[in-house]
Amino acid sequence: MERRRGEALEAAILEAAWDELNERGYANLTVDSVARRAGTSKPVIYRRWSDKQQLVEAAVVSRNVTQLIAPPDTGSLRGDLIATLEDMSQKRGALLGQLSLLLAGYFAETRTSYFELREAILAGRTSGRDEIMRRAVERGELDPARLTPRIAALPFDLVRAEAMMALRPVTPEVIEEIVDTIFLPLVRH
């Protein structure tokens, strides 16, 4: 077997860490179990990440960065939001609830939250949400003076919360209700 190095080795380690996290949760994940699964050694992992926390952060960030996609451009704020939220719910709905359980020990140990983890995932990149809002402002569909960061995040936060509470994807009807009765009345002229 050819020896992996550089990016290929790092990708294998992060994939192994993600798989271990999903199977064992943060509390039961060990650097040793990640090394075994990745077919490498603990010293190789520790040269890249100083501890289990950093390794798990890198695995979660890596998994989410590879899944960042440009939001659809349907030509309307409502259409863009509904399409994006439905896609988010279908692809990540079940994972959101599961991840909260799997990372409970991580959040307790690091005294951080999803907010800090989301910031690490975005790392200065524009989010799909920001792109949707920018296009809507350009089309004149929303009042930028009414679009605070909290209001811009609201439909996404509500869908995440719904998915975490139900431990399943959010229905299209609930997504439409969030967009039509909660979000759009807050931002329209």
Protein backbone atom coordinates (compact mmCIF):
# COMPACT_ATOMS: atom_id res chain seq x y z
CA MET A 1 0.00 0.00 0.00
CA GLU A 2 1.32 3.41 -0.97
CA ARG A 3 2.01 5.72 1.91
CA ARG A 4 -0.27 8.77 2.04
CA ARG A 5 1.15 12.17 2.70
CA GLY A 6 0.09 15.79 2.79
CA GLU A 7 -3.49 16.55 1.79
CA ALA A 8 -4.42 12.91 1.13
CA LEU A 9 -3.30 11.88 4.62
CA GLU A 10 -5.01 14.85 6.23
CA ALA A 11 -8.25 14.10 4.37
CA ALA A 12 -8.12 10.46 5.52
CA ILE A 13 -7.58 11.52 9.14
CA LEU A 14 -10.42 14.05 9.06
CA GLU A 15 -12.75 11.52 7.45
CA ALA A 16 -11.82 8.97 10.11
CA ALA A 17 -12.40 11.55 12.86
CA TRP A 18 -15.81 12.40 11.38
CA ASP A 19 -16.75 8.72 11.20
CA GLU A 20 -15.59 8.10 14.78
CA LEU A 21 -17.53 11.15 15.98
CA ASN A 22 -20.69 9.88 14.28
CA GLU A 23 -20.29 6.36 15.66
CA ARG A 24 -18.99 7.10 19.16
CA GLY A 25 -19.76 10.73 19.95
CA TYR A 26 -17.19 13.19 21.24
CA ALA A 27 -16.92 11.68 24.72
CA ASN A 28 -15.93 8.24 23.40
CA LEU A 29 -13.80 9.34 20.46
CA THR A 30 -10.06 8.89 21.01
CA VAL A 31 -7.09 9.97 18.95
CA ASP A 32 -6.03 6.33 19.02
CA SER A 33 -9.32 5.18 17.46
CA VAL A 34 -9.03 7.86 14.77
CA ALA A 35 -5.43 6.81 14.02
CA ARG A 36 -6.47 3.16 13.67
CA ARG A 37 -9.36 4.00 11.39
CA ALA A 38 -7.20 6.30 9.24
CA GLY A 39 -4.39 3.76 9.05
CA THR A 40 -1.85 6.08 10.61
CA SER A 41 -0.30 6.74 14.01
CA LYS A 42 -1.09 9.04 16.92
CA PRO A 43 2.15 11.03 16.49
CA VAL A 44 1.16 11.80 12.89
CA ILE A 45 -2.17 13.18 14.13
CA TYR A 46 -0.59 15.13 16.99
CA ARG A 47 1.79 16.82 14.55
CA ARG A 48 -1.26 18.37 12.89
CA TRP A 49 -3.65 18.87 15.83
CA SER A 50 -2.48 19.32 19.41
CA ASP A 51 -5.47 17.60 21.02
CA LYS A 52 -8.78 15.84 20.48
CA GLN A 53 -10.71 19.13 20.55
CA GLN A 54 -8.74 20.58 17.64
CA LEU A 55 -9.04 17.33 15.69
CA VAL A 56 -12.82 17.23 16.11
CA GLU A 57 -13.15 20.93 15.21
CA ALA A 58 -11.11 20.33 12.06
CA ALA A 59 -13.23 17.30 11.14
CA VAL A 60 -16.51 19.17 11.61
CA VAL A 61 -15.22 22.22 9.72
CA SER A 62 -13.84 20.06 6.92
CA ARG A 63 -17.09 18.13 6.52
CA ASN A 64 -19.19 21.28 6.46
CA VAL A 65 -16.88 23.29 4.19
CA THR A 66 -16.95 20.54 1.58
CA GLN A 67 -20.75 20.69 1.71
CA LEU A 68 -21.08 24.48 1.33
CA ILE A 69 -23.00 25.14 -1.85
CA ALA A 70 -24.10 28.29 -3.62
CA PRO A 71 -27.77 28.98 -2.96
CA PRO A 72 -30.13 28.66 -5.90
CA ASP A 73 -31.15 31.86 -7.67
CA THR A 74 -34.86 31.47 -8.33
CA GLY A 75 -35.35 35.16 -9.05
CA SER A 76 -37.13 35.95 -5.78
CA LEU A 77 -36.22 36.19 -2.11
CA ARG A 78 -39.07 33.85 -1.17
CA GLY A 79 -38.08 31.27 -3.78
CA ASP A 80 -34.40 31.42 -2.86
CA LEU A 81 -35.15 31.00 0.83
CA ILE A 82 -37.58 28.14 0.42
CA ALA A 83 -35.30 26.26 -1.99
CA THR A 84 -32.26 26.77 0.25
CA LEU A 85 -34.04 25.89 3.49
CA GLU A 86 -35.60 22.77 1.98
CA ASP A 87 -32.21 21.68 0.65
CA MET A 88 -30.58 22.39 4.03
CA SER A 89 -33.30 20.49 5.85
CA GLN A 90 -33.18 17.45 3.57
CA LYS A 91 -29.38 17.21 3.56
CA ARG A 92 -28.69 18.18 7.17
CA GLY A 93 -31.96 17.95 9.08
CA ALA A 94 -31.33 14.62 10.78
CA LEU A 95 -27.64 15.43 11.24
CA LEU A 96 -28.36 18.64 13.15
CA GLY A 97 -30.12 16.82 15.96
CA GLN A 98 -27.59 14.03 15.97
CA LEU A 99 -24.65 16.43 15.96
CA SER A 100 -25.98 18.28 19.00
CA LEU A 101 -25.91 15.00 20.92
CA LEU A 102 -22.57 13.85 19.51
CA LEU A 103 -20.87 17.18 20.32
CA ALA A 104 -22.43 17.75 23.76
CA GLY A 105 -19.19 16.76 25.48
CA TYR A 106 -17.18 18.97 23.13
CA PHE A 107 -19.32 22.03 23.86
CA ALA A 108 -19.15 21.39 27.61
CA GLU A 109 -15.39 20.84 27.53
CA THR A 110 -14.59 23.86 25.34
CA ARG A 111 -17.33 26.11 26.75
CA THR A 112 -18.30 27.03 23.21
CA SER A 113 -21.46 26.73 21.16
CA TYR A 114 -22.70 26.17 17.63
CA PHE A 115 -22.15 29.88 17.01
CA GLU A 116 -18.39 29.58 17.42
CA LEU A 117 -18.33 26.37 15.40
CA ARG A 118 -20.33 28.04 12.60
CA GLU A 119 -17.85 30.93 12.58
CA ALA A 120 -14.99 28.44 12.21
CA ILE A 121 -16.79 26.73 9.34
CA LEU A 122 -17.37 29.99 7.49
CA ALA A 123 -13.91 31.40 8.35
CA GLY A 124 -14.51 34.68 6.57
CA ARG A 125 -16.35 33.16 3.60
CA THR A 126 -19.69 34.59 2.55
CA SER A 127 -22.51 32.30 3.53
CA GLY A 128 -25.34 31.28 1.25
CA ARG A 129 -27.64 33.28 3.49
CA ASP A 130 -25.58 36.43 2.86
CA GLU A 131 -25.75 35.82 -0.88
CA ILE A 132 -29.54 35.40 -0.78
CA MET A 133 -29.96 38.63 1.17
CA ARG A 134 -27.57 40.57 -1.10
CA ARG A 135 -29.50 39.53 -4.21
CA ALA A 136 -32.83 40.43 -2.57
CA VAL A 137 -31.54 43.90 -1.65
CA GLU A 138 -30.33 44.40 -5.25
CA ARG A 139 -33.78 43.37 -6.57
CA GLY A 140 -35.45 45.75 -4.13
CA GLU A 141 -37.34 42.95 -2.39
CA LEU A 142 -36.36 43.83 1.14
CA ASP A 143 -35.53 46.87 3.16
CA PRO A 144 -31.82 46.70 4.06
CA ALA A 145 -32.45 48.97 7.06
CA ARG A 146 -34.68 46.24 8.53
CA LEU A 147 -32.21 43.42 7.83
CA THR A 148 -30.18 43.03 11.00
CA PRO A 149 -27.82 40.05 11.33
CA ARG A 150 -30.28 38.39 13.73
CA ILE A 151 -33.22 38.85 11.36
CA ALA A 152 -31.16 37.56 8.40
CA ALA A 153 -30.33 34.44 10.43
CA LEU A 154 -33.90 33.94 11.68
CA PRO A 155 -35.33 31.58 9.02
CA PHE A 156 -32.18 29.43 9.11
CA ASP A 157 -32.14 29.33 12.91
CA LEU A 158 -35.82 28.38 13.04
CA VAL A 159 -35.35 25.54 10.55
CA ARG A 160 -32.28 24.31 12.48
CA ALA A 161 -34.18 24.44 15.76
CA GLU A 162 -37.15 22.61 14.26
CA ALA A 163 -34.87 19.89 12.84
CA MET A 164 -33.05 19.52 16.15
CA MET A 165 -36.27 19.26 18.11
CA ALA A 166 -37.91 16.79 15.72
CA LEU A 167 -34.72 14.85 14.84
CA ARG A 168 -35.84 14.75 11.21
CA PRO A 169 -36.01 17.05 8.18
CA VAL A 170 -38.43 19.97 8.37
CA THR A 171 -41.49 19.68 6.13
CA PRO A 172 -41.93 22.06 3.19
CA GLU A 173 -45.14 23.36 4.82
CA VAL A 174 -43.27 24.41 7.97
CA ILE A 175 -40.52 26.02 5.89
CA GLU A 176 -43.11 28.01 3.92
CA GLU A 177 -44.77 29.11 7.16
CA ILE A 178 -41.42 30.29 8.55
CA VAL A 179 -40.64 32.25 5.38
CA ASP A 180 -44.13 33.65 4.70
CA THR A 181 -45.50 34.42 8.16
CA ILE A 182 -42.37 35.15 10.18
CA PHE A 183 -39.44 36.28 8.01
CA LEU A 184 -40.88 38.14 5.01
CA PRO A 185 -43.15 40.44 7.07
CA LEU A 186 -40.05 41.54 9.03
CA VAL A 187 -37.97 42.59 6.04
CA ARG A 188 -40.31 43.81 3.34
CA HIS A 189 -40.76 47.53 2.67
